[in-house]
Protein backbone atom coordinates (compact mmCIF):
# COMPACT_ATOMS: atom_id res chain seq x y z
CA MET A 1 109.14 -72.14 -29.35
CA GLU A 2 107.33 -72.93 -32.58
CA LEU A 3 104.24 -71.29 -34.08
CA THR A 4 102.51 -70.28 -37.31
CA ILE A 5 100.68 -66.96 -37.67
CA ALA A 6 99.05 -64.98 -40.46
CA LYS A 7 101.54 -62.49 -41.90
CA ASP A 8 99.10 -59.55 -42.06
CA ILE A 9 98.07 -59.99 -38.43
CA LEU A 10 101.67 -60.19 -37.28
CA ILE A 11 102.59 -57.03 -39.21
CA ASP A 12 99.64 -55.12 -37.77
CA TYR A 13 100.59 -55.97 -34.20
CA LEU A 14 104.30 -55.34 -34.78
CA ASN A 15 103.51 -51.87 -36.15
CA ILE A 16 101.86 -50.99 -32.85
CA VAL A 17 104.14 -52.75 -30.36
CA CYS A 18 107.31 -51.39 -31.96
CA ARG A 19 106.25 -47.85 -31.03
CA SER A 20 107.65 -48.48 -27.57
CA VAL A 21 110.96 -49.98 -28.73
CA SER A 22 113.89 -47.92 -27.53
CA SER A 23 115.83 -46.14 -30.30
CA ARG A 24 118.61 -44.83 -28.06
CA THR A 25 119.90 -47.30 -25.52
CA THR A 26 123.03 -49.12 -24.46
CA LEU A 27 120.95 -52.18 -23.55
CA PRO A 28 120.45 -54.43 -26.62
CA ILE A 29 117.41 -56.09 -25.02
CA LEU A 30 115.51 -52.78 -25.20
CA GLU A 31 115.90 -52.78 -28.98
CA CYS A 32 113.96 -56.04 -29.08
CA VAL A 33 110.36 -57.12 -29.28
CA LEU A 34 109.36 -59.97 -26.98
CA LEU A 35 107.51 -62.95 -28.50
CA VAL A 36 105.70 -65.25 -26.09
CA ALA A 37 103.90 -68.40 -27.27
CA GLU A 38 101.55 -70.18 -24.88
CA LEU A 39 99.07 -72.93 -25.60
CA ASP A 40 96.15 -70.48 -25.44
CA GLY A 41 97.68 -67.75 -27.61
CA PHE A 42 100.58 -65.61 -28.73
CA THR A 43 101.60 -62.18 -27.40
CA LEU A 44 104.09 -59.48 -28.39
CA ALA A 45 105.55 -56.79 -26.14
CA ALA A 46 108.06 -53.94 -26.19
CA ASN A 47 109.36 -51.78 -23.36
CA ASP A 48 111.75 -48.80 -23.37
CA LEU A 49 111.47 -48.39 -19.56
CA GLU A 50 109.42 -45.21 -20.07
CA MET A 51 106.42 -46.82 -21.74
CA SER A 52 105.44 -50.34 -22.73
CA ILE A 53 102.93 -51.94 -25.07
CA GLU A 54 101.75 -55.53 -24.79
CA THR A 55 99.19 -57.25 -27.00
CA LYS A 56 96.35 -59.34 -25.70
CA LYS A 57 96.38 -62.97 -26.87
CA VAL A 58 96.73 -63.12 -30.67
CA GLY A 59 95.37 -66.04 -32.63
CA ALA A 60 98.14 -68.36 -33.85
CA GLU A 61 98.82 -72.07 -34.28
CA ILE A 62 101.10 -72.89 -31.34
CA THR A 63 103.15 -76.04 -31.86
CA LYS A 64 105.58 -75.52 -28.98
CA PRO A 65 105.33 -72.88 -26.20
CA GLY A 66 108.29 -70.63 -25.46
CA ASN A 67 109.62 -67.10 -25.70
CA VAL A 68 112.38 -65.10 -27.37
CA ALA A 69 113.44 -61.45 -27.72
CA LEU A 70 114.29 -60.43 -31.29
CA ASP A 71 115.73 -57.22 -32.70
CA ALA A 72 112.55 -55.29 -33.50
CA LYS A 73 113.68 -53.65 -36.72
CA VAL A 74 115.31 -56.73 -38.21
CA PHE A 75 112.41 -59.00 -37.28
CA SER A 76 109.82 -56.54 -38.62
CA ASP A 77 111.70 -56.21 -41.91
CA ILE A 78 111.96 -59.99 -42.23
CA VAL A 79 108.22 -60.48 -41.69
CA ARG A 80 107.32 -57.79 -44.24
CA LYS A 81 109.51 -59.40 -46.92
CA MET A 82 108.08 -62.88 -46.48
CA PRO A 83 106.42 -64.15 -49.69
CA GLY A 84 103.47 -66.12 -48.29
CA ASP A 85 100.36 -65.36 -46.26
CA PHE A 86 101.62 -67.18 -43.17
CA VAL A 87 104.89 -67.00 -41.23
CA ARG A 88 106.38 -69.88 -39.27
CA ILE A 89 108.61 -68.94 -36.33
CA LYS A 90 110.82 -71.53 -34.67
CA THR A 91 113.52 -71.07 -32.03
CA ASP A 92 116.11 -73.47 -30.66
CA LYS A 93 117.55 -73.71 -27.15
CA ASN A 94 120.11 -71.00 -27.98
CA ASN A 95 117.38 -68.54 -29.11
CA PHE A 96 118.46 -68.84 -32.74
CA THR A 97 115.22 -68.13 -34.58
CA GLU A 98 114.12 -69.39 -37.98
CA CYS A 99 111.47 -67.42 -39.86
CA SER A 100 110.01 -69.13 -42.91
CA SER A 101 107.23 -68.60 -45.41
CA GLY A 102 106.77 -70.49 -48.67
CA ARG A 103 110.29 -71.37 -49.79
CA ALA A 104 111.93 -68.43 -48.01
CA VAL A 105 113.89 -69.10 -44.82
CA LEU A 106 115.67 -66.39 -42.81
CA ASN A 107 117.45 -66.83 -39.50
CA ILE A 108 118.06 -64.29 -36.74
CA SER A 109 119.87 -64.53 -33.41
CA GLY A 110 117.69 -63.80 -30.40
CA LEU A 111 118.04 -63.16 -26.69
CA PRO A 112 116.41 -65.09 -23.86
CA GLY A 113 112.87 -63.87 -23.25
CA GLU A 114 113.50 -64.11 -19.51
CA GLU A 115 115.95 -61.20 -19.79
CA PHE A 116 113.32 -58.87 -21.24
CA PRO A 117 112.19 -56.21 -18.73
CA ALA A 118 108.64 -57.03 -17.77
CA ALA A 119 106.18 -54.19 -17.28
CA PRO A 120 105.26 -53.84 -13.59
CA SER A 121 102.01 -55.38 -12.48
CA LEU A 122 99.60 -52.78 -11.08
CA GLU A 123 96.52 -53.29 -8.98
CA ARG A 124 93.48 -52.58 -11.12
CA THR A 125 91.62 -50.12 -8.91
CA GLY A 126 90.03 -46.73 -9.48
CA VAL A 127 89.28 -47.39 -13.15
CA TYR A 128 88.16 -44.54 -15.42
CA THR A 129 86.37 -45.55 -18.63
CA LEU A 130 85.78 -43.50 -21.77
CA LYS A 131 85.46 -44.10 -25.50
CA SER A 132 88.66 -44.45 -27.51
CA LYS A 133 87.50 -41.88 -30.07
CA LEU A 134 86.89 -39.33 -27.31
CA LEU A 135 90.26 -39.91 -25.64
CA LYS A 136 92.02 -39.58 -28.98
CA GLU A 137 90.18 -36.31 -29.62
CA MET A 138 91.05 -34.94 -26.17
CA ILE A 139 94.73 -35.64 -26.70
CA ARG A 140 94.67 -34.08 -30.18
CA GLN A 141 93.03 -30.92 -28.83
CA THR A 142 95.66 -30.36 -26.12
CA ILE A 143 98.98 -32.06 -26.94
CA PHE A 144 100.35 -29.19 -29.04
CA SER A 145 100.62 -26.99 -25.94
CA VAL A 146 103.05 -29.25 -24.10
CA ALA A 147 106.50 -27.72 -23.46
CA THR A 148 109.20 -29.02 -25.80
CA ASP A 149 112.23 -28.19 -23.65
CA ASN A 150 113.26 -29.61 -20.30
CA THR A 151 113.57 -26.34 -18.41
CA LYS A 152 110.53 -27.43 -16.41
CA PRO A 153 110.27 -31.19 -16.92
CA VAL A 154 106.78 -31.35 -15.39
CA LEU A 155 105.47 -29.26 -18.33
CA THR A 156 106.70 -31.82 -20.89
CA GLY A 157 103.65 -33.87 -19.98
CA GLU A 158 99.90 -33.42 -19.74
CA LEU A 159 97.88 -33.30 -16.57
CA PHE A 160 95.17 -35.95 -16.23
CA GLN A 161 92.85 -34.74 -13.50
CA TYR A 162 89.52 -36.10 -12.37
CA VAL A 163 87.52 -33.63 -10.30
CA ASP A 164 83.85 -32.71 -9.87
CA GLY A 165 82.64 -35.51 -12.14
CA SER A 166 84.86 -34.57 -15.09
CA LEU A 167 88.13 -35.79 -16.56
CA ARG A 168 90.42 -32.92 -17.54
CA LEU A 169 93.44 -32.91 -19.84
CA VAL A 170 95.62 -29.83 -19.47
CA ALA A 171 98.82 -28.86 -21.29
CA VAL A 172 100.97 -25.79 -20.52
CA ASP A 173 104.18 -24.58 -22.16
CA GLY A 174 104.59 -21.23 -20.39
CA PHE A 175 102.97 -19.20 -23.18
CA ARG A 176 99.59 -20.91 -23.48
CA ILE A 177 97.26 -23.41 -21.85
CA SER A 178 95.12 -26.02 -23.59
CA TYR A 179 92.24 -27.32 -21.50
CA ARG A 180 89.81 -30.09 -22.43
CA GLN A 181 87.30 -31.80 -20.19
CA THR A 182 84.57 -34.40 -20.45
CA ALA A 183 82.04 -35.67 -17.95
CA LEU A 184 82.40 -39.26 -16.77
CA GLU A 185 79.52 -41.38 -15.58
CA GLY A 186 79.59 -43.05 -12.19
CA GLU A 187 81.60 -42.37 -9.07
CA CYS A 188 85.36 -42.01 -9.51
CA GLU A 189 88.11 -41.15 -7.07
CA PRO A 190 89.74 -37.70 -7.54
CA THR A 191 93.13 -38.05 -9.16
CA LYS A 192 95.99 -36.01 -10.59
CA ALA A 193 98.70 -37.53 -12.79
CA ILE A 194 101.16 -36.10 -15.31
CA ILE A 195 101.79 -38.27 -18.37
CA PRO A 196 104.74 -37.55 -20.73
CA ALA A 197 103.78 -36.06 -24.09
CA LYS A 198 105.75 -38.72 -25.96
CA ALA A 199 103.67 -41.47 -24.40
CA LEU A 200 100.40 -39.68 -25.14
CA THR A 201 101.45 -39.12 -28.74
CA GLU A 202 102.12 -42.83 -29.23
CA LEU A 203 98.94 -43.75 -27.37
CA SER A 204 96.92 -41.49 -29.65
CA ARG A 205 98.37 -43.18 -32.72
CA ILE A 206 97.21 -46.63 -31.66
CA LEU A 207 93.79 -45.66 -30.30
CA PRO A 208 90.92 -46.82 -32.54
CA THR A 209 89.12 -43.94 -34.22
CA ASP A 210 85.91 -45.74 -35.14
CA GLY A 211 83.35 -47.71 -33.21
CA ASP A 212 82.52 -47.44 -29.53
CA ASP A 213 85.53 -49.19 -28.02
CA ASP A 214 86.07 -48.49 -24.33
CA VAL A 215 89.43 -47.52 -22.90
CA ASN A 216 89.99 -48.33 -19.22
CA ILE A 217 92.47 -46.12 -17.39
CA TYR A 218 93.98 -46.57 -13.96
CA PHE A 219 96.99 -45.24 -12.08
CA SER A 220 99.58 -46.05 -9.47
CA ASP A 221 101.98 -43.59 -7.88
CA LYS A 222 104.41 -43.94 -10.78
CA ARG A 223 102.50 -45.46 -13.73
CA ALA A 224 99.41 -45.02 -15.87
CA VAL A 225 97.75 -47.98 -17.60
CA PHE A 226 95.47 -47.76 -20.63
CA GLU A 227 93.61 -50.94 -21.52
CA ILE A 228 92.74 -50.68 -25.21
CA PRO A 229 90.98 -53.40 -27.21
CA GLY A 230 93.81 -55.73 -28.19
CA PHE A 231 96.53 -53.95 -26.18
CA THR A 232 97.70 -52.78 -22.79
CA PHE A 233 99.63 -49.51 -22.88
CA MET A 234 101.63 -48.39 -19.83
CA SER A 235 103.53 -45.16 -19.22
CA ARG A 236 105.57 -43.83 -16.37
CA LEU A 237 104.35 -40.62 -14.74
CA LEU A 238 106.27 -37.38 -14.38
CA GLU A 239 107.03 -36.29 -10.84
CA GLY A 240 106.43 -32.76 -9.62
CA GLU A 241 103.68 -30.24 -8.99
CA PHE A 242 101.75 -29.12 -12.06
CA ILE A 243 101.10 -25.42 -12.54
CA ARG A 244 97.90 -24.09 -10.91
CA TYR A 245 96.29 -23.44 -14.27
CA ASP A 246 92.85 -22.80 -12.78
CA GLN A 247 94.12 -19.65 -11.06
CA ILE A 248 95.27 -18.13 -14.35
CA TYR A 249 91.92 -18.08 -16.12
CA ASN A 250 90.21 -14.72 -15.67
CA GLU A 251 86.51 -14.17 -16.23
CA ASP A 252 86.63 -10.35 -16.17
CA PHE A 253 86.74 -9.29 -19.83
CA SER A 254 86.47 -5.89 -21.48
CA THR A 255 86.16 -7.19 -25.06
CA ILE A 256 84.37 -10.28 -26.37
CA VAL A 257 84.73 -11.11 -30.07
CA THR A 258 82.68 -13.71 -31.93
CA THR A 259 83.72 -14.69 -35.44
CA GLU A 260 83.66 -17.52 -38.00
CA ARG A 261 86.45 -19.99 -37.29
CA GLU A 262 87.52 -20.82 -40.85
CA PRO A 263 87.89 -17.23 -42.18
CA PHE A 264 89.78 -16.24 -39.03
CA LEU A 265 92.08 -19.23 -39.35
CA ALA A 266 92.67 -18.54 -43.05
CA GLY A 267 93.50 -14.89 -42.34
CA LEU A 268 96.07 -15.86 -39.71
CA GLU A 269 97.62 -18.45 -42.04
CA ARG A 270 97.99 -15.77 -44.74
CA ALA A 271 99.64 -13.44 -42.22
CA CYS A 272 102.10 -16.23 -41.41
CA LEU A 273 103.36 -16.15 -44.98
CA ILE A 274 104.98 -12.86 -43.99
CA ALA A 275 105.42 -13.30 -40.25
CA GLY A 276 106.73 -16.84 -40.48
CA VAL A 277 110.16 -15.77 -41.69
CA SER A 278 110.83 -13.79 -38.51
CA LYS A 279 112.38 -15.36 -35.40
CA LYS A 280 109.71 -13.66 -33.29
CA PRO A 281 106.74 -13.44 -35.66
CA PRO A 282 104.15 -11.11 -34.11
CA VAL A 283 100.80 -10.65 -35.81
CA LYS A 284 98.68 -7.71 -34.71
CA LEU A 285 94.92 -7.93 -34.29
CA GLU A 286 93.07 -4.63 -34.40
CA ILE A 287 89.53 -5.15 -33.13
CA LYS A 288 87.11 -2.39 -34.09
CA ASP A 289 84.08 -1.60 -36.26
CA ASP A 290 82.84 -5.23 -36.24
CA SER A 291 86.11 -6.42 -37.81
CA ILE A 292 89.34 -8.11 -36.86
CA ILE A 293 92.10 -6.45 -38.86
CA ILE A 294 95.07 -8.82 -39.09
CA THR A 295 98.41 -7.24 -39.98
CA SER A 296 101.99 -8.40 -40.10
CA ASN A 297 105.10 -6.34 -40.79
CA THR A 298 108.56 -7.87 -41.15
CA GLU A 299 111.77 -7.13 -42.97
CA ILE A 300 110.54 -8.90 -46.12
CA GLY A 301 107.12 -7.32 -46.40
CA ASN A 302 103.72 -6.80 -44.82
CA SER A 303 100.21 -8.22 -44.89
CA TYR A 304 96.69 -6.93 -44.27
CA ASP A 305 93.50 -8.95 -43.80
CA GLU A 306 90.06 -8.08 -42.50
CA ILE A 307 87.66 -10.57 -40.94
CA THR A 308 84.03 -9.80 -40.06
CA CYS A 309 83.10 -10.31 -36.42
CA ASP A 310 80.72 -9.28 -33.64
CA ILE A 311 82.26 -7.15 -30.89
CA ASP A 312 80.88 -6.74 -27.41
CA GLY A 313 82.92 -4.17 -25.49
CA GLN A 314 85.88 -1.94 -26.14
CA ASP A 315 88.06 -1.66 -29.24
CA LEU A 316 91.47 -3.24 -28.76
CA GLU A 317 94.87 -3.76 -30.40
CA ILE A 318 96.77 -6.87 -29.37
CA ALA A 319 99.60 -8.97 -30.84
CA PHE A 320 100.22 -12.72 -30.78
CA ASN A 321 102.54 -15.38 -32.06
CA PRO A 322 100.11 -16.50 -34.79
CA ARG A 323 101.12 -20.15 -34.48
CA TYR A 324 99.51 -20.31 -31.05
CA LEU A 325 96.17 -19.08 -32.39
CA ILE A 326 96.39 -21.25 -35.51
CA GLU A 327 97.08 -24.49 -33.62
CA ALA A 328 94.12 -23.87 -31.33
CA LEU A 329 91.76 -22.92 -34.17
CA ARG A 330 92.66 -26.07 -36.11
CA VAL A 331 91.40 -28.37 -33.36
CA ILE A 332 88.23 -26.48 -32.47
CA GLU A 333 85.38 -28.27 -34.22
CA GLU A 334 82.79 -25.50 -34.19
CA GLU A 335 81.84 -23.02 -36.90
CA LYS A 336 82.18 -19.99 -34.63
CA VAL A 337 84.73 -19.09 -31.97
CA VAL A 338 84.86 -16.55 -29.16
CA LEU A 339 87.89 -14.50 -28.10
CA ARG A 340 87.72 -12.99 -24.62
CA LEU A 341 90.17 -10.16 -24.06
CA THR A 342 90.98 -7.60 -21.37
CA THR A 343 94.09 -5.51 -22.21
CA PRO A 344 96.89 -5.67 -24.83
CA LEU A 345 99.11 -7.43 -22.28
CA SER A 346 96.53 -9.74 -20.69
CA PRO A 347 95.93 -13.35 -21.76
CA CYS A 348 93.31 -14.12 -24.39
CA ILE A 349 90.87 -16.97 -23.87
CA LEU A 350 89.73 -18.72 -27.06
CA ARG A 351 86.97 -21.30 -27.28
CA GLY A 352 84.04 -22.42 -29.39
CA VAL A 353 80.69 -20.68 -29.09
CA GLU A 354 78.65 -23.74 -28.14
CA SER A 355 80.84 -25.66 -25.71
CA GLU A 356 82.81 -24.94 -22.54
CA GLU A 357 84.50 -28.34 -22.73
CA PHE A 358 87.63 -26.94 -24.32
CA LYS A 359 89.31 -23.56 -23.96
CA TYR A 360 92.72 -22.11 -24.78
CA LEU A 361 94.59 -19.39 -22.95
CA ILE A 362 97.24 -17.56 -24.99
CA LEU A 363 99.65 -14.90 -23.79
CA PRO A 364 100.02 -11.88 -26.10
CA LEU A 365 103.23 -10.30 -27.35
CA LYS A 366 104.16 -6.72 -26.59
CA LEU A 367 103.13 -4.37 -29.40
CA ARG A 368 106.00 -2.62 -31.09
CA SER A 369 105.94 1.15 -30.73
């Protein structure tokens, strides 16, 4: 294999592909990035057997077709340290690879490209299409509610569900639910798939945030594929039955509170300065007299804050882990939010005033006597 490619372009693509390089493996090939040179273009790929990223054809001057698998970290570091604007890559029959630029020449031992685990080929049917900016936003507004332990492995991923003309992303960790939906145009087949949080986090990082780029999504029984401009991202799916989240939401409320998002968020963040030092940091909300009184009492001190609000219904005292409220408030992009409450021990539903597209269910903590 022999080719010449612009250094900046190669670095950009390596930064993305290397997100799916395995960091903990006994298989050296999984620590590699695959380089494939064909007469019509150059591609890079990485695969940790859980998720894979492969570039579309990248512009390069191909002198001799071929392939090689190179240690991802070493190769990336070599490319970054090259002095010129272009990098020449040349391999011999033993996969010994020469990287040169200007007067600098560095050599690295490689592995046969044929040994690299290829991502499975899936039939491209039942394609869902939405804008990259929207998908990135939907992940950001839900991913923080994914479970971080493996007690229930199915909850370490997010549910992708298409039903009634809408795509839903749902995350549950046992204490809260994040729900985000968007309508999709056209006829799509109903589907349910659970994608690991790690894969969605990496996908979100490589999704374009500007422009109107389309992302095409399709599934098999065990994989999800995301076709992004310039890349194909594939993730395995988690097996198991996702929690019936739709049965948990209750629409029978005794207290509805409407307040400004930013003052409420700031008040909770101030309460966390006291509550955050506790292992179980409850913050109490006392809802009365058109105010939310936020208090926190721990062994190191106490806090008091008062936020103006509109109350429809009964007065109420309820306690929460403030982090759950804060994380939800940070991703709501409306000026006002609504809290729907029933009893001190019943879940709270939090959402923006204007949209039903996203909502958060949060379990309260028991008030100390």
